[in-house]
Amino acid sequence: MVKCKASGERADEGVHHYRNAFVTGAELTASRDPRQLHGVTESSAAAERVLVVDDEPDIVALVAYHLAKSGYSVSTATNGSEGLAVARRVKPSLIVLDLLLPGLSGLEIMEQLRRDPATSRIAVLMLTARREETDRIRGLTLGADDYLTKPFSPQELVLRVAAILRRIKAGGDLPVDVRQIGPLRIDTTAHRVTVDGREIDLTPTEFKLLLLLAERKGRVQPRNLLLQAVWEAAPDIQTRTVDMHIQRLRGKLGAAGDLIETVRGFGYRMRQVSEKA
């Protein structure tokens, strides 16, 4: 576990202390100079590339080391502008992205990535010291795939990266504009939804709500996040709008409506089922 440490405390012998974290020397066997980590590459040509963007050089080194050790090809950047440039150049499978960056913030980077068709499908794992719910909601609304706060476990981060990439691969044999979950098929280009081949007539809001749940399949979506993402409402608005739309959506989908699960007291989740079922 990477632990927070206040600045100015005396460092114990054999332990490297940094601005936001401390780790043992064994965990930083890789170079502590992030400039030497650009292009850290697994020997396998098939290694998936992960970009790490954080303004803490030692956090960059720590994360890059554990990802490389797990078989990923790693690129790094230590400010927002550099991170966006590297993302556009190497087009990684996933970005581990800090929110508080000099230059462009992590949220600004996500906005630009999602607007560009060439980078819109790059997965993003937010890594930040900020714990406010509004930051998490905004990041997820902009299209982040997961959210991890500092202090963090490097092993957990690697597991989360693997889980995100597995979810992406699950639909790899479908066209990029088609999502299929059990009998439910969503064609984003044609704006068409079918269940077992039968077309379902949805309103634009219902389609947007269904697509968001499908894109975040297996993950609980709080009502306030859905309000902000689908209706662009402030996250603190208390309303039954989401519940009523979910009820109507389930009714239109028929038996496939059971794919949308209620998580009591929190929100909704699209069930994890085989993409080819």
Protein backbone atom coordinates (compact mmCIF):
# COMPACT_ATOMS: atom_id res chain seq x y z
CA MET A 1 0.00 0.00 0.00
CA VAL A 2 1.28 3.43 -0.90
CA LYS A 3 0.82 5.58 2.20
CA CYS A 4 0.49 9.32 2.59
CA LYS A 5 3.26 11.13 4.42
CA ALA A 6 3.33 14.74 5.53
CA SER A 7 6.18 16.82 4.14
CA GLY A 8 9.08 17.58 6.49
CA GLU A 9 9.02 14.29 8.42
CA ARG A 10 12.34 12.53 8.93
CA ALA A 11 12.93 9.62 6.57
CA ASP A 12 13.80 6.27 8.09
CA GLU A 13 16.85 4.55 6.71
CA GLY A 14 16.07 2.21 3.80
CA VAL A 15 12.71 3.80 2.99
CA HIS A 16 12.31 6.36 0.17
CA HIS A 17 9.92 9.20 1.10
CA TYR A 18 8.11 11.30 -1.46
CA ARG A 19 5.71 14.22 -1.49
CA ASN A 20 2.52 12.12 -1.46
CA ALA A 21 3.73 8.60 -0.82
CA PHE A 22 6.41 6.34 0.50
CA VAL A 23 7.45 2.91 -0.69
CA THR A 24 10.30 0.57 0.04
CA GLY A 25 13.39 0.55 -2.14
CA ALA A 26 12.47 -2.90 -3.48
CA GLU A 27 9.31 -1.46 -5.02
CA LEU A 28 11.36 1.05 -6.99
CA THR A 29 13.87 -1.33 -8.53
CA ALA A 30 12.99 0.37 -11.81
CA SER A 31 14.58 3.76 -12.52
CA ARG A 32 13.31 6.59 -10.38
CA ASP A 33 13.85 9.02 -13.26
CA PRO A 34 10.53 9.01 -15.20
CA ARG A 35 12.30 10.23 -18.34
CA GLN A 36 14.05 6.87 -18.47
CA LEU A 37 10.67 5.09 -18.35
CA HIS A 38 9.40 6.37 -21.69
CA GLY A 39 8.91 3.31 -23.85
CA VAL A 40 9.44 0.76 -21.04
CA THR A 41 8.54 -2.29 -23.10
CA GLU A 42 7.68 -5.92 -22.46
CA SER A 43 9.58 -8.29 -24.70
CA SER A 44 6.38 -9.59 -26.27
CA ALA A 45 5.35 -7.63 -29.35
CA ALA A 46 1.72 -8.22 -28.33
CA ALA A 47 2.08 -6.37 -25.02
CA GLU A 48 -0.70 -3.82 -24.55
CA ARG A 49 0.46 -0.26 -24.08
CA VAL A 50 -0.51 1.72 -20.99
CA LEU A 51 0.22 5.43 -20.60
CA VAL A 52 0.84 6.76 -17.06
CA VAL A 53 0.26 10.51 -16.59
CA ASP A 54 1.05 11.97 -13.16
CA ASP A 55 3.06 14.98 -11.97
CA GLU A 56 4.63 12.97 -9.12
CA PRO A 57 7.80 11.44 -10.68
CA ASP A 58 8.04 8.74 -8.03
CA ILE A 59 4.39 7.77 -8.44
CA VAL A 60 5.02 7.53 -12.20
CA ALA A 61 8.04 5.30 -11.56
CA LEU A 62 6.14 3.10 -9.11
CA VAL A 63 3.11 2.58 -11.35
CA ALA A 64 5.23 2.09 -14.49
CA TYR A 65 7.40 -0.48 -12.71
CA HIS A 66 4.45 -2.61 -11.57
CA LEU A 67 2.70 -2.40 -14.95
CA ALA A 68 5.89 -3.35 -16.83
CA LYS A 69 6.48 -6.21 -14.40
CA SER A 70 2.95 -7.43 -15.21
CA GLY A 71 3.71 -7.53 -18.94
CA TYR A 72 2.45 -4.18 -20.21
CA SER A 73 4.34 -1.84 -22.50
CA VAL A 74 4.47 1.48 -20.62
CA SER A 75 4.80 5.11 -21.70
CA THR A 76 4.85 7.99 -19.20
CA ALA A 77 4.23 11.74 -18.95
CA THR A 78 4.44 14.17 -16.04
CA ASN A 79 2.15 17.03 -17.15
CA GLY A 80 -1.16 17.41 -18.91
CA SER A 81 0.02 18.76 -22.26
CA GLU A 82 2.69 16.08 -22.59
CA GLY A 83 0.20 13.38 -21.58
CA LEU A 84 -2.29 14.43 -24.25
CA ALA A 85 0.45 14.57 -26.89
CA VAL A 86 1.74 11.09 -26.00
CA ALA A 87 -1.81 9.68 -25.98
CA ARG A 88 -2.43 11.02 -29.47
CA ARG A 89 0.91 9.74 -30.72
CA VAL A 90 1.03 6.19 -29.30
CA LYS A 91 -2.75 5.60 -28.86
CA PRO A 92 -2.43 3.36 -25.77
CA SER A 93 -5.06 0.80 -24.80
CA LEU A 94 -5.44 2.53 -21.43
CA ILE A 95 -4.31 5.68 -19.61
CA VAL A 96 -3.68 5.84 -15.86
CA LEU A 97 -4.51 9.52 -15.43
CA ASP A 98 -4.04 11.87 -12.48
CA LEU A 99 -6.64 14.64 -12.25
CA LEU A 100 -4.47 17.36 -10.72
CA LEU A 101 -1.84 18.06 -13.38
CA PRO A 102 0.13 21.15 -14.41
CA GLY A 103 -1.02 22.56 -17.71
CA LEU A 104 -4.10 20.60 -18.76
CA SER A 105 -6.00 18.90 -15.95
CA GLY A 106 -6.91 15.23 -16.17
CA LEU A 107 -10.55 16.16 -16.77
CA GLU A 108 -9.56 18.46 -19.65
CA ILE A 109 -7.47 15.65 -21.14
CA MET A 110 -10.45 13.30 -20.98
CA GLU A 111 -12.70 15.87 -22.67
CA GLN A 112 -10.25 16.25 -25.55
CA LEU A 113 -9.68 12.51 -25.90
CA ARG A 114 -13.42 11.78 -26.06
CA ARG A 115 -14.03 14.49 -28.69
CA ASP A 116 -11.43 13.03 -31.08
CA PRO A 117 -12.58 9.88 -32.94
CA ALA A 118 -8.95 8.70 -33.07
CA THR A 119 -8.68 8.62 -29.26
CA SER A 120 -12.30 8.43 -28.09
CA ARG A 121 -12.13 4.71 -27.27
CA ILE A 122 -8.96 4.79 -25.17
CA ALA A 123 -9.79 3.48 -21.69
CA VAL A 124 -9.05 5.73 -18.71
CA LEU A 125 -8.35 4.81 -15.07
CA MET A 126 -8.42 7.98 -12.96
CA LEU A 127 -5.76 8.03 -10.22
CA THR A 128 -6.02 10.99 -7.86
CA ALA A 129 -5.74 12.23 -4.30
CA ARG A 130 -9.11 13.98 -4.66
CA ARG A 131 -11.89 12.04 -2.96
CA GLU A 132 -14.85 14.37 -3.51
CA GLU A 133 -17.87 12.64 -5.03
CA THR A 134 -18.38 15.49 -7.50
CA ASP A 135 -14.91 14.88 -8.98
CA ARG A 136 -15.59 11.17 -9.32
CA ILE A 137 -18.99 11.78 -10.92
CA ARG A 138 -17.61 14.31 -13.38
CA GLY A 139 -14.75 12.01 -14.37
CA LEU A 140 -17.07 9.04 -14.89
CA THR A 141 -19.51 11.23 -16.80
CA LEU A 142 -16.73 12.31 -19.16
CA GLY A 143 -16.07 8.65 -19.90
CA ALA A 144 -13.53 7.38 -17.36
CA ASP A 145 -13.70 3.61 -16.96
CA ASP A 146 -12.70 3.43 -13.30
CA TYR A 147 -11.53 5.60 -10.40
CA LEU A 148 -8.78 4.90 -7.83
CA THR A 149 -7.80 7.28 -5.05
CA LYS A 150 -4.41 7.85 -3.42
CA PRO A 151 -3.08 6.28 -1.27
CA PHE A 152 -3.40 3.12 -3.36
CA SER A 153 -2.10 -0.42 -3.68
CA PRO A 154 0.02 -0.94 -6.84
CA GLN A 155 -1.28 -4.51 -7.01
CA GLU A 156 -4.89 -3.29 -6.95
CA LEU A 157 -4.11 -0.79 -9.70
CA VAL A 158 -2.66 -3.53 -11.92
CA LEU A 159 -5.75 -5.69 -11.29
CA ARG A 160 -8.06 -2.83 -12.19
CA VAL A 161 -6.13 -2.16 -15.40
CA ALA A 162 -6.47 -5.83 -16.33
CA ALA A 163 -10.22 -5.81 -15.56
CA ILE A 164 -10.84 -2.74 -17.73
CA LEU A 165 -8.91 -4.22 -20.65
CA ARG A 166 -10.81 -7.52 -20.31
CA ARG A 167 -14.11 -5.64 -20.57
CA ILE A 168 -12.90 -3.90 -23.72
CA LYS A 169 -11.76 -7.18 -25.31
CA ALA A 170 -15.10 -8.87 -24.57
CA GLY A 171 -16.73 -7.10 -27.51
CA GLY A 172 -13.69 -7.07 -29.76
CA ASP A 173 -15.26 -9.08 -32.58
CA LEU A 174 -18.24 -6.72 -32.92
CA PRO A 175 -18.21 -3.52 -34.97
CA VAL A 176 -17.05 -0.60 -32.82
CA ASP A 177 -20.50 1.00 -33.06
CA VAL A 178 -22.39 -2.11 -31.90
CA ARG A 179 -22.82 -3.41 -28.36
CA GLN A 180 -24.50 -6.73 -27.64
CA ILE A 181 -25.41 -7.92 -24.16
CA GLY A 182 -27.28 -11.21 -24.20
CA PRO A 183 -30.34 -10.71 -26.46
CA LEU A 184 -29.93 -6.93 -26.38
CA ARG A 185 -28.15 -5.27 -29.31
CA ILE A 186 -27.40 -1.54 -29.49
CA ASP A 187 -26.25 0.02 -32.77
CA THR A 188 -25.01 3.52 -31.96
CA THR A 189 -24.54 4.58 -35.59
CA ALA A 190 -28.04 3.59 -36.68
CA HIS A 191 -29.47 4.66 -33.29
CA ARG A 192 -31.21 1.29 -33.22
CA VAL A 193 -31.97 -1.14 -30.39
CA THR A 194 -33.15 -4.71 -30.90
CA VAL A 195 -34.00 -7.59 -28.56
CA ASP A 196 -33.71 -11.03 -30.20
CA GLY A 197 -33.93 -9.25 -33.57
CA ARG A 198 -37.09 -7.30 -32.64
CA GLU A 199 -36.64 -3.53 -32.93
CA ILE A 200 -37.44 -1.49 -29.82
CA ASP A 201 -38.75 2.06 -30.19
CA LEU A 202 -36.94 4.27 -27.64
CA THR A 203 -36.98 8.01 -27.03
CA PRO A 204 -33.60 9.80 -27.36
CA THR A 205 -33.35 10.00 -23.56
CA GLU A 206 -34.14 6.30 -23.12
CA PHE A 207 -31.54 5.42 -25.75
CA LYS A 208 -28.90 7.58 -24.05
CA LEU A 209 -29.70 6.05 -20.65
CA LEU A 210 -29.55 2.49 -22.02
CA LEU A 211 -26.28 3.14 -23.88
CA LEU A 212 -24.61 4.61 -20.78
CA LEU A 213 -25.56 1.57 -18.69
CA ALA A 214 -24.33 -0.76 -21.45
CA GLU A 215 -21.00 1.09 -21.78
CA ARG A 216 -20.46 0.69 -18.02
CA LYS A 217 -21.78 -2.85 -17.86
CA GLY A 218 -21.18 -4.56 -14.51
CA ARG A 219 -20.59 -1.29 -12.65
CA VAL A 220 -23.17 0.40 -10.43
CA GLN A 221 -24.21 3.84 -11.68
CA PRO A 222 -25.50 6.18 -8.95
CA ARG A 223 -28.72 8.06 -9.68
CA ASN A 224 -26.97 11.44 -9.40
CA LEU A 225 -24.36 10.38 -11.96
CA LEU A 226 -27.11 9.25 -14.36
CA LEU A 227 -28.92 12.56 -13.87
CA GLN A 228 -25.80 14.49 -14.71
CA ALA A 229 -24.76 12.33 -17.66
CA VAL A 230 -28.14 11.80 -19.33
CA TRP A 231 -30.16 14.86 -18.31
CA GLU A 232 -27.18 17.18 -17.65
CA ALA A 233 -28.71 18.00 -14.28
CA ALA A 234 -26.79 19.10 -11.20
CA PRO A 235 -25.79 16.00 -9.21
CA ASP A 236 -27.51 17.18 -6.01
CA ILE A 237 -31.00 17.37 -7.57
CA GLN A 238 -33.38 14.98 -5.81
CA THR A 239 -35.83 13.54 -8.35
CA ARG A 240 -37.55 10.32 -9.36
CA THR A 241 -36.82 11.02 -13.03
CA VAL A 242 -34.21 8.28 -13.28
CA ASP A 243 -36.45 5.66 -11.62
CA MET A 244 -39.40 6.45 -13.90
CA HIS A 245 -37.26 6.25 -17.04
CA ILE A 246 -35.72 2.95 -15.93
CA GLN A 247 -39.20 1.55 -15.31
CA ARG A 248 -40.38 2.57 -18.80
CA LEU A 249 -37.16 1.29 -20.37
CA ARG A 250 -37.54 -2.12 -18.72
CA GLY A 251 -41.12 -2.32 -19.95
CA LYS A 252 -40.10 -1.65 -23.56
CA LEU A 253 -37.24 -4.16 -23.43
CA GLY A 254 -39.53 -6.94 -22.19
CA ALA A 255 -37.61 -9.95 -20.83
CA ALA A 256 -34.33 -8.15 -21.61
CA GLY A 257 -35.34 -5.50 -19.10
CA ASP A 258 -34.08 -7.86 -16.41
CA LEU A 259 -30.56 -7.02 -17.60
CA ILE A 260 -30.95 -3.69 -15.75
CA GLU A 261 -30.55 -4.39 -12.05
CA THR A 262 -31.58 -2.11 -9.19
CA VAL A 263 -28.95 -1.62 -6.48
CA ARG A 264 -31.12 -0.47 -3.59
CA GLY A 265 -30.29 2.88 -2.10
CA PHE A 266 -27.69 3.59 -4.74
CA GLY A 267 -28.55 3.24 -8.41
CA TYR A 268 -28.62 0.83 -11.34
CA ARG A 269 -26.31 -1.62 -13.10
CA MET A 270 -26.35 -3.47 -16.40
CA ARG A 271 -25.74 -7.16 -15.69
CA GLN A 272 -22.54 -8.85 -16.84
CA VAL A 273 -23.47 -11.53 -19.37
CA SER A 274 -21.68 -12.99 -22.36
CA GLU A 275 -21.44 -10.60 -25.29
CA LYS A 276 -22.16 -13.56 -27.55
CA ALA A 277 -25.03 -15.01 -25.55
